[in-house]
């Protein structure tokens, strides 16, 4: 008991030491560089069982934890979690705090482990969880942020999708190969309405052009009922998105996005063609898109960029499509992550050097802050009832030269911002 108390105290001390009071001044660029995260990187899911009770799911890969010898000669890691409930990025007032420490046996080394924690809240609404994950044996910790809303009776946090083994889905996107069970916060409800939408959204326009969003037609392509809170499974067999609502008069719900085979990864040569639109003219892309063999067309495109050097072409392909896949994991919403405004900038320019987060926006900085050669992008959160992950770029003519410079890098056989 004493040892556990000391461990939890250490976690709290680490949190206090490394977190600035003003979250708006904290550089969060590492969250968009998965390879830099020492613990996993982790996944989170916040499930609001009620206004005043959360269930937090955390998934990590234990291979990064330090296992130390115990008195009985076994090896054990100690995984610590500190959860601070804050008002928002802009007003990070501490509202609640929780600490947990979990021993992990060596038999679970190098495995993905899911932990769940019950969090009784003294405040409700649109809030921010600051999550400090600690490898206690190693004496290291990392901080993450997860926004949630516990007061929406049928918002995205009121649902959780589980696989056949009872493991929660940590993302809202699925493929036709996924089979899930859906839990809803009101255990007395056993069916909810599902509105299915099949929509084609335009690719993000270059950052120097004007992008006018058309109003969304909320008339669904079909409406049916889906079982929740029971043993029945659900498969979303057709691409599009599925909006689940218990009360259809409210502009709230949870959306399951169904994308192509293999998503968020790029698994077919046909899927490799579409992201090349950022690097090609309209005529070039039309040739790629209508080629008899997409494999040959993609290979030819990258070989031409590499002056026929196959090894160099392979490196470019790996770098470019890794960015596409990371963008899918990070920015998926009503459309594939790489097609969004943030995805477009991420794919072409790479991960930014600095990211500042606010309640309703993100600022990305490439280069040094306040440098005349630096490049700043502002993304504003869109009020989208289907997702909380939709951000729109504030476009400007000043981006025309940097945009074409970034494109030219790729077309000349060099990855722009090759570090990330």
Protein backbone atom coordinates (compact mmCIF):
# COMPACT_ATOMS: atom_id res chain seq x y z
CA UNK A 1 0.00 0.00 0.00
CA UNK A 2 2.80 2.42 0.95
CA UNK A 3 4.70 1.60 -2.26
CA UNK A 4 1.63 2.27 -4.39
CA UNK A 5 1.05 5.59 -2.61
CA UNK A 6 4.63 6.65 -3.30
CA UNK A 7 4.32 5.68 -6.96
CA UNK A 8 1.13 7.70 -7.36
CA UNK A 9 2.78 10.64 -5.64
CA UNK A 10 5.68 10.45 -8.08
CA UNK A 11 3.29 10.56 -11.02
CA UNK A 12 1.63 13.66 -9.59
CA UNK A 13 5.00 15.32 -9.08
CA UNK A 14 6.08 14.57 -12.67
CA UNK A 15 2.80 16.04 -13.91
CA UNK A 16 3.22 19.22 -11.91
CA UNK A 17 6.82 19.63 -13.07
CA UNK A 18 6.33 19.31 -16.80
CA UNK A 19 2.93 20.89 -17.49
CA UNK A 20 2.77 24.66 -17.93
CA UNK A 21 -0.26 26.36 -16.46
CA UNK A 22 -1.02 28.00 -19.79
CA UNK A 23 -1.70 25.10 -22.17
CA UNK A 24 -1.82 27.46 -25.14
CA UNK A 25 1.95 27.94 -24.83
CA UNK A 26 2.77 24.21 -24.76
CA UNK A 27 4.28 22.83 -27.96
CA UNK A 28 2.24 19.73 -28.85
CA UNK A 29 3.95 18.87 -32.12
CA UNK A 30 5.13 15.50 -30.77
CA UNK A 31 1.54 14.22 -30.85
CA UNK A 32 1.70 14.34 -34.64
CA UNK A 33 5.01 12.48 -34.69
CA UNK A 34 4.07 8.98 -33.51
CA UNK A 35 7.62 7.71 -33.74
CA UNK A 36 8.75 10.15 -31.04
CA UNK A 37 6.42 8.82 -28.35
CA UNK A 38 8.12 6.50 -25.89
CA UNK A 39 4.96 4.77 -24.66
CA UNK A 40 3.37 2.97 -27.61
CA UNK A 41 1.92 5.61 -28.89
CA UNK A 42 -1.17 5.14 -26.75
CA UNK A 43 -4.84 5.16 -27.70
CA UNK A 44 -7.68 6.60 -25.63
CA UNK A 45 -11.45 6.28 -25.54
CA UNK A 46 -13.67 8.26 -23.16
CA UNK A 47 -17.08 6.69 -22.52
CA UNK A 48 -19.54 8.84 -20.55
CA UNK A 49 -21.70 6.42 -18.57
CA UNK A 50 -23.55 9.45 -17.22
CA UNK A 51 -23.01 13.18 -16.64
CA UNK A 52 -21.01 12.33 -13.53
CA UNK A 53 -19.25 9.06 -14.39
CA UNK A 54 -16.66 8.34 -17.07
CA UNK A 55 -14.99 5.15 -18.13
CA UNK A 56 -11.56 5.82 -19.59
CA UNK A 57 -9.95 3.16 -21.79
CA UNK A 58 -6.18 3.33 -22.41
CA UNK A 59 -4.28 1.05 -24.79
CA UNK A 60 -0.49 0.80 -24.83
CA UNK A 61 2.16 -1.53 -26.19
CA UNK A 62 4.08 -2.85 -23.20
CA UNK A 63 7.30 -3.40 -25.18
CA UNK A 64 8.47 0.10 -24.26
CA UNK A 65 8.04 -0.38 -20.50
CA UNK A 66 10.92 -1.25 -18.17
CA UNK A 67 10.49 -4.61 -16.41
CA UNK A 68 12.53 -4.95 -13.21
CA UNK A 69 13.31 -7.97 -11.06
CA UNK A 70 11.03 -8.47 -8.06
CA UNK A 71 11.84 -10.15 -4.71
CA UNK A 72 10.32 -13.40 -6.00
CA UNK A 73 12.72 -13.22 -9.00
CA UNK A 74 9.90 -12.42 -11.46
CA UNK A 75 10.01 -9.33 -13.69
CA UNK A 76 7.37 -6.65 -13.50
CA UNK A 77 6.60 -3.23 -14.97
CA UNK A 78 4.54 -0.55 -13.25
CA UNK A 79 2.23 1.52 -15.45
CA UNK A 80 0.95 4.74 -13.90
CA UNK A 81 -1.88 6.97 -15.07
CA UNK A 82 -2.71 10.44 -13.77
CA UNK A 83 -5.98 11.91 -15.04
CA UNK A 84 -6.63 15.62 -14.52
CA UNK A 85 -9.98 17.00 -15.63
CA UNK A 86 -9.56 20.55 -16.90
CA UNK A 87 -11.97 23.18 -18.14
CA UNK A 88 -10.42 23.62 -21.60
CA UNK A 89 -7.18 24.41 -23.43
CA UNK A 90 -7.94 28.13 -22.98
CA UNK A 91 -9.00 27.89 -19.32
CA UNK A 92 -7.22 24.86 -17.82
CA UNK A 93 -8.78 25.09 -14.38
CA UNK A 94 -8.29 21.83 -12.48
CA UNK A 95 -11.71 20.32 -11.72
CA UNK A 96 -10.92 16.71 -10.78
CA UNK A 97 -7.87 14.49 -10.42
CA UNK A 98 -7.35 10.72 -10.34
CA UNK A 99 -4.30 8.46 -10.04
CA UNK A 100 -3.83 4.78 -10.84
CA UNK A 101 -0.89 2.39 -10.79
CA UNK A 102 -1.07 -1.04 -12.41
CA UNK A 103 1.58 -3.79 -12.21
CA UNK A 104 2.23 -5.68 -15.45
CA UNK A 105 3.83 -9.12 -15.44
CA UNK A 106 6.55 -10.07 -17.92
CA UNK A 107 4.13 -12.55 -19.52
CA UNK A 108 2.40 -9.47 -20.96
CA UNK A 109 5.64 -8.00 -22.34
CA UNK A 110 5.50 -6.81 -25.96
CA UNK A 111 1.70 -6.99 -26.10
CA UNK A 112 -1.04 -4.42 -26.56
CA UNK A 113 -2.81 -4.05 -23.23
CA UNK A 114 -6.07 -2.24 -22.57
CA UNK A 115 -6.77 -0.68 -19.18
CA UNK A 116 -10.05 0.83 -18.03
CA UNK A 117 -10.63 3.30 -15.21
CA UNK A 118 -13.83 4.60 -13.63
CA UNK A 119 -13.78 8.36 -13.05
CA UNK A 120 -16.57 9.92 -10.91
CA UNK A 121 -16.84 13.56 -11.96
CA UNK A 122 -17.74 16.62 -9.91
CA UNK A 123 -18.17 18.69 -13.07
CA UNK A 124 -19.82 17.93 -16.40
CA UNK A 125 -19.93 19.40 -19.89
CA UNK A 126 -17.38 20.00 -22.62
CA UNK A 127 -14.14 19.29 -20.77
CA UNK A 128 -10.50 18.33 -21.30
CA UNK A 129 -8.68 15.36 -19.79
CA UNK A 130 -4.94 15.73 -19.25
CA UNK A 131 -3.53 12.20 -19.23
CA UNK A 132 -0.08 11.55 -17.81
CA UNK A 133 1.18 8.07 -18.61
CA UNK A 134 4.17 6.95 -16.58
CA UNK A 135 6.66 4.14 -16.80
CA UNK A 136 7.26 4.19 -13.07
CA UNK A 137 10.27 1.86 -13.09
CA UNK A 138 11.97 3.98 -15.73
CA UNK A 139 11.02 7.26 -14.07
CA UNK A 140 9.63 8.73 -17.27
CA UNK A 141 6.23 10.07 -18.25
CA UNK A 142 4.37 11.57 -21.20
CA UNK A 143 1.36 13.86 -21.31
CA UNK A 144 -1.63 13.67 -23.66
CA UNK A 145 -4.90 15.54 -23.94
CA UNK A 146 -8.33 14.18 -24.72
CA UNK A 147 -11.38 16.37 -25.18
CA UNK A 148 -14.80 14.97 -24.24
CA UNK A 149 -18.37 16.01 -23.44
CA UNK A 150 -20.08 14.14 -20.62
CA UNK A 151 -23.34 16.09 -20.70
CA UNK A 152 -24.53 15.28 -24.24
CA UNK A 153 -27.09 12.52 -23.73
CA UNK A 154 -26.32 11.01 -27.15
CA UNK A 155 -23.07 12.64 -28.17
CA UNK A 156 -20.04 10.71 -29.41
CA UNK A 157 -18.92 9.95 -25.83
CA UNK A 158 -22.31 8.37 -25.05
CA UNK A 159 -21.46 5.38 -27.29
CA UNK A 160 -18.65 2.85 -27.36
CA UNK A 161 -18.05 0.16 -29.98
CA UNK A 162 -16.53 -3.13 -28.80
CA UNK A 163 -15.08 -6.06 -30.70
CA UNK A 164 -15.92 -9.71 -30.00
CA UNK A 165 -13.26 -9.80 -27.26
CA UNK A 166 -14.69 -6.81 -25.43
CA UNK A 167 -11.94 -4.45 -26.57
CA UNK A 168 -13.19 -0.94 -27.40
CA UNK A 169 -12.71 0.68 -30.77
CA UNK A 170 -10.32 3.58 -30.24
CA UNK A 171 -11.26 5.22 -33.53
CA UNK A 172 -14.56 6.02 -35.20
CA UNK A 173 -13.58 4.55 -38.58
CA UNK A 174 -14.20 0.98 -39.71
CA UNK A 175 -14.11 -1.22 -42.79
CA UNK A 176 -16.47 -3.91 -44.04
CA UNK A 177 -14.23 -6.48 -42.34
CA UNK A 178 -15.00 -5.14 -38.85
CA UNK A 179 -17.70 -6.65 -36.64
CA UNK A 180 -18.63 -4.70 -33.51
CA UNK A 181 -21.11 -4.49 -30.67
CA UNK A 182 -22.34 -1.05 -29.64
CA UNK A 183 -22.98 0.10 -26.08
CA UNK A 184 -25.03 3.19 -25.28
CA UNK A 185 -25.00 5.09 -21.98
CA UNK A 186 -28.70 4.45 -21.33
CA UNK A 187 -28.74 0.71 -20.58
CA UNK A 188 -32.54 0.62 -20.92
CA UNK A 189 -32.25 1.42 -24.64
CA UNK A 190 -31.80 -1.58 -26.96
CA UNK A 191 -32.30 0.06 -30.36
CA UNK A 192 -31.22 3.36 -31.83
CA UNK A 193 -31.85 4.98 -35.18
CA UNK A 194 -29.12 4.85 -37.80
CA UNK A 195 -29.00 7.36 -40.64
CA UNK A 196 -26.77 6.29 -43.50
CA UNK A 197 -25.07 8.88 -45.75
CA UNK A 198 -23.17 8.19 -48.95
CA UNK A 199 -21.47 11.48 -49.79
CA UNK A 200 -18.56 12.51 -51.97
CA UNK A 201 -16.64 15.39 -50.41
CA UNK A 202 -14.22 17.43 -52.51
CA UNK A 203 -10.49 17.17 -51.97
CA UNK A 204 -9.06 20.03 -49.92
CA UNK A 205 -8.15 22.99 -52.10
CA UNK A 206 -4.57 24.39 -52.03
CA UNK A 207 -3.93 26.70 -49.07
CA UNK A 208 -3.71 29.88 -51.17
CA UNK A 209 -7.13 29.45 -52.82
CA UNK A 210 -10.57 30.21 -51.45
CA UNK A 211 -12.45 27.17 -50.21
CA UNK A 212 -16.21 27.61 -49.86
CA UNK A 213 -18.00 24.85 -48.01
CA UNK A 214 -21.49 24.09 -49.22
CA UNK A 215 -24.22 23.47 -46.65
CA UNK A 216 -24.76 19.83 -45.79
CA UNK A 217 -27.99 18.11 -46.75
CA UNK A 218 -29.07 16.21 -43.63
CA UNK A 219 -31.51 14.06 -45.60
CA UNK A 220 -30.09 10.52 -45.20
CA UNK A 221 -29.85 7.98 -48.00
CA UNK A 222 -31.50 5.42 -45.75
CA UNK A 223 -32.74 5.07 -42.17
CA UNK A 224 -32.90 1.88 -40.12
CA UNK A 225 -32.51 0.65 -36.55
CA UNK A 226 -29.42 -0.85 -34.93
CA UNK A 227 -29.22 -2.94 -31.77
CA UNK A 228 -27.28 -1.57 -28.82
CA UNK A 229 -26.56 -2.83 -25.30
CA UNK A 230 -26.95 -6.49 -26.25
CA UNK A 231 -25.07 -9.35 -27.87
CA UNK A 232 -26.05 -8.53 -31.46
CA UNK A 233 -23.16 -7.56 -33.72
CA UNK A 234 -23.05 -4.86 -36.37
CA UNK A 235 -21.10 -4.69 -39.62
CA UNK A 236 -20.97 -1.56 -41.77
CA UNK A 237 -20.71 -3.19 -45.16
CA UNK A 238 -20.97 -0.14 -47.43
CA UNK A 239 -18.60 2.83 -47.47
CA UNK A 240 -20.09 6.04 -46.16
CA UNK A 241 -21.00 7.15 -42.67
CA UNK A 242 -23.58 5.95 -40.20
CA UNK A 243 -25.06 8.39 -37.67
CA UNK A 244 -26.52 6.71 -34.59
CA UNK A 245 -29.17 8.55 -32.58
CA UNK A 246 -31.59 7.56 -29.86
CA UNK A 247 -33.54 10.81 -30.32
CA UNK A 248 -33.62 12.02 -33.94
CA UNK A 249 -34.86 15.49 -32.95
CA UNK A 250 -31.44 16.31 -31.47
CA UNK A 251 -28.44 17.31 -33.57
CA UNK A 252 -26.32 14.82 -31.63
CA UNK A 253 -25.13 11.30 -32.18
CA UNK A 254 -22.19 9.00 -32.73
CA UNK A 255 -20.89 8.49 -36.25
CA UNK A 256 -19.21 5.38 -37.58
CA UNK A 257 -17.21 6.12 -40.72
CA UNK A 258 -16.76 3.21 -43.11
CA UNK A 259 -13.80 3.52 -45.48
CA UNK A 260 -12.15 1.26 -48.04
CA UNK A 261 -10.31 -1.99 -47.43
CA UNK A 262 -7.26 -1.70 -45.18
CA UNK A 263 -7.98 1.83 -43.92
CA UNK A 264 -6.16 3.74 -42.42
CA UNK A 265 -3.32 2.04 -44.26
CA UNK A 266 -2.70 2.24 -48.00
CA UNK A 267 -2.90 -1.39 -49.09
CA UNK A 268 -3.55 -1.32 -52.85
CA UNK A 269 -1.90 0.45 -55.76
CA UNK A 270 -5.29 1.93 -56.67
CA UNK A 271 -5.30 3.62 -53.23
CA UNK A 272 -1.84 5.02 -54.01
CA UNK A 273 -3.11 7.00 -56.97
CA UNK A 274 -5.57 9.37 -55.26
CA UNK A 275 -3.06 11.11 -52.89
CA UNK A 276 -0.88 11.97 -55.89
CA UNK A 277 -3.42 14.64 -56.78
CA UNK A 278 -1.52 17.03 -54.50
CA UNK A 279 1.64 16.62 -56.59
CA UNK A 280 0.21 16.59 -60.10
CA UNK A 281 -1.47 18.83 -62.61
CA UNK A 282 -5.04 18.08 -63.62
CA UNK A 283 -3.90 16.46 -66.87
CA UNK A 284 -1.22 14.36 -65.16
CA UNK A 285 -3.66 13.11 -62.58
CA UNK A 286 -6.24 12.22 -65.22
CA UNK A 287 -3.64 10.01 -66.91
CA UNK A 288 -2.81 8.30 -63.60
CA UNK A 289 -6.44 7.84 -62.70
CA UNK A 290 -7.41 6.26 -66.02
CA UNK A 291 -4.28 4.16 -66.56
CA UNK A 292 -4.89 0.52 -67.48
CA UNK A 293 -2.50 -0.54 -64.70
CA UNK A 294 -2.44 1.64 -61.60
CA UNK A 295 0.67 -0.20 -60.37
CA UNK A 296 2.64 0.65 -63.50
CA UNK A 297 1.35 4.22 -63.46
CA UNK A 298 2.37 4.79 -59.82
CA UNK A 299 5.78 3.18 -60.34
CA UNK A 300 6.39 5.30 -63.43
CA UNK A 301 5.44 8.49 -61.59
CA UNK A 302 7.90 7.93 -58.75
CA UNK A 303 10.66 6.61 -61.02
CA UNK A 304 10.42 9.76 -63.09
CA UNK A 305 10.76 11.85 -59.91
CA UNK A 306 13.86 9.78 -59.02
CA UNK A 307 15.55 9.95 -62.44
CA UNK A 308 15.07 6.19 -62.80
CA UNK A 309 16.78 5.34 -59.50
CA UNK A 310 14.64 2.56 -58.01
CA UNK A 311 16.09 2.74 -54.48
CA UNK A 312 15.48 6.46 -54.34
CA UNK A 313 11.95 5.94 -55.65
CA UNK A 314 11.27 3.39 -52.89
CA UNK A 315 12.41 5.87 -50.23
CA UNK A 316 10.13 8.58 -51.65
CA UNK A 317 7.19 6.19 -51.81
CA UNK A 318 7.75 5.11 -48.21
CA UNK A 319 7.99 8.70 -46.97
CA UNK A 320 4.98 9.97 -48.90
CA UNK A 321 2.59 7.16 -48.09
CA UNK A 322 3.68 6.98 -44.45
CA UNK A 323 2.48 10.56 -44.24
CA UNK A 324 -0.78 9.60 -45.92
CA UNK A 325 -1.30 6.81 -43.40
CA UNK A 326 -0.40 8.99 -40.41
CA UNK A 327 -2.79 11.66 -41.70
CA UNK A 328 -5.53 9.03 -41.88
CA UNK A 329 -4.92 8.01 -38.28
CA UNK A 330 -4.73 11.57 -36.99
CA UNK A 331 -7.29 13.55 -39.00
CA UNK A 332 -10.05 11.18 -40.14
CA UNK A 333 -13.50 12.70 -39.91
CA UNK A 334 -16.30 12.70 -42.50
CA UNK A 335 -13.63 12.03 -45.11
CA UNK A 336 -10.29 10.26 -45.19
CA UNK A 337 -7.64 11.98 -43.11
CA UNK A 338 -5.27 12.73 -45.97
CA UNK A 339 -8.09 14.56 -47.83
CA UNK A 340 -8.73 17.05 -45.01
CA UNK A 341 -7.12 20.47 -44.67
CA UNK A 342 -4.78 19.29 -41.93
CA UNK A 343 -4.08 16.11 -43.86
CA UNK A 344 -3.16 18.05 -47.00
CA UNK A 345 -0.62 20.20 -45.15
CA UNK A 346 0.73 17.19 -43.25
CA UNK A 347 1.26 15.10 -46.39
CA UNK A 348 3.02 17.82 -48.36
CA UNK A 349 4.98 19.61 -45.62
CA UNK A 350 5.34 16.87 -43.01
CA UNK A 351 4.81 17.22 -39.28
CA UNK A 352 5.20 20.83 -38.05
CA UNK A 353 7.93 21.92 -35.66
CA UNK A 354 5.48 23.61 -33.30
CA UNK A 355 1.77 23.10 -32.62
CA UNK A 356 -0.30 25.26 -30.28
CA UNK A 357 -3.76 24.03 -29.41
CA UNK A 358 -6.70 26.14 -28.36
CA UNK A 359 -10.28 25.19 -27.56
CA UNK A 360 -11.45 25.81 -31.11
CA UNK A 361 -8.30 26.01 -33.21
CA UNK A 362 -4.75 24.77 -33.83
CA UNK A 363 -1.71 26.75 -35.00
CA UNK A 364 1.02 24.88 -36.88
CA UNK A 365 4.49 26.40 -37.28
CA UNK A 366 7.18 25.14 -39.64
CA UNK A 367 10.64 26.44 -38.84
CA UNK A 368 11.36 28.72 -35.90
CA UNK A 369 8.65 30.69 -34.19
CA UNK A 370 8.58 34.40 -35.14
CA UNK A 371 11.13 33.74 -37.88
CA UNK A 372 10.59 35.62 -41.17
CA UNK A 373 11.26 32.34 -42.99
CA UNK A 374 8.83 30.36 -40.84
CA UNK A 375 5.50 29.11 -42.12
CA UNK A 376 2.37 29.36 -39.98
CA UNK A 377 -1.01 27.71 -40.56
CA UNK A 378 -4.20 28.30 -38.57
CA UNK A 379 -6.88 25.59 -38.48
CA UNK A 380 -10.28 26.45 -37.00
CA UNK A 381 -12.59 23.80 -35.56
CA UNK A 382 -15.73 23.28 -37.64
CA UNK A 383 -19.09 22.86 -35.93
CA UNK A 384 -19.80 19.44 -37.41
CA UNK A 385 -22.41 17.22 -35.67
CA UNK A 386 -20.83 14.08 -37.14
CA UNK A 387 -17.33 14.55 -35.76
CA UNK A 388 -15.19 16.64 -33.41
CA UNK A 389 -12.14 16.16 -35.64
CA UNK A 390 -13.05 18.52 -38.51
CA UNK A 391 -10.81 21.60 -38.84
CA UNK A 392 -10.74 24.17 -41.64
CA UNK A 393 -7.58 25.93 -42.80
CA UNK A 394 -7.59 29.72 -42.82
CA UNK A 395 -6.42 30.22 -46.39
CA UNK A 396 -4.35 33.10 -47.71
CA UNK A 397 -2.55 34.13 -50.95
CA UNK A 398 0.72 34.22 -48.98
CA UNK A 399 0.83 30.43 -49.10
CA UNK A 400 1.08 30.20 -52.89
CA UNK A 401 4.88 30.38 -53.07
CA UNK A 402 5.54 27.98 -50.13
CA UNK A 403 2.96 25.54 -51.52
CA UNK A 404 4.55 25.31 -54.95
CA UNK A 405 8.00 25.15 -53.36
CA UNK A 406 6.86 22.13 -51.34
CA UNK A 407 5.35 20.50 -54.43
CA UNK A 408 8.54 21.13 -56.42
CA UNK A 409 10.59 19.38 -53.74
CA UNK A 410 8.58 16.19 -54.24
CA UNK A 411 8.56 16.48 -58.03
CA UNK A 412 12.32 16.86 -58.01
CA UNK A 413 12.72 13.65 -56.02
CA UNK A 414 13.15 15.10 -52.54
CA UNK A 415 10.83 14.78 -49.56
CA UNK A 416 9.89 18.17 -48.21
CA UNK A 417 10.81 18.33 -44.49
CA UNK A 418 12.45 14.92 -44.77
CA UNK A 419 13.00 14.53 -41.00
CA UNK A 420 9.29 13.90 -40.45
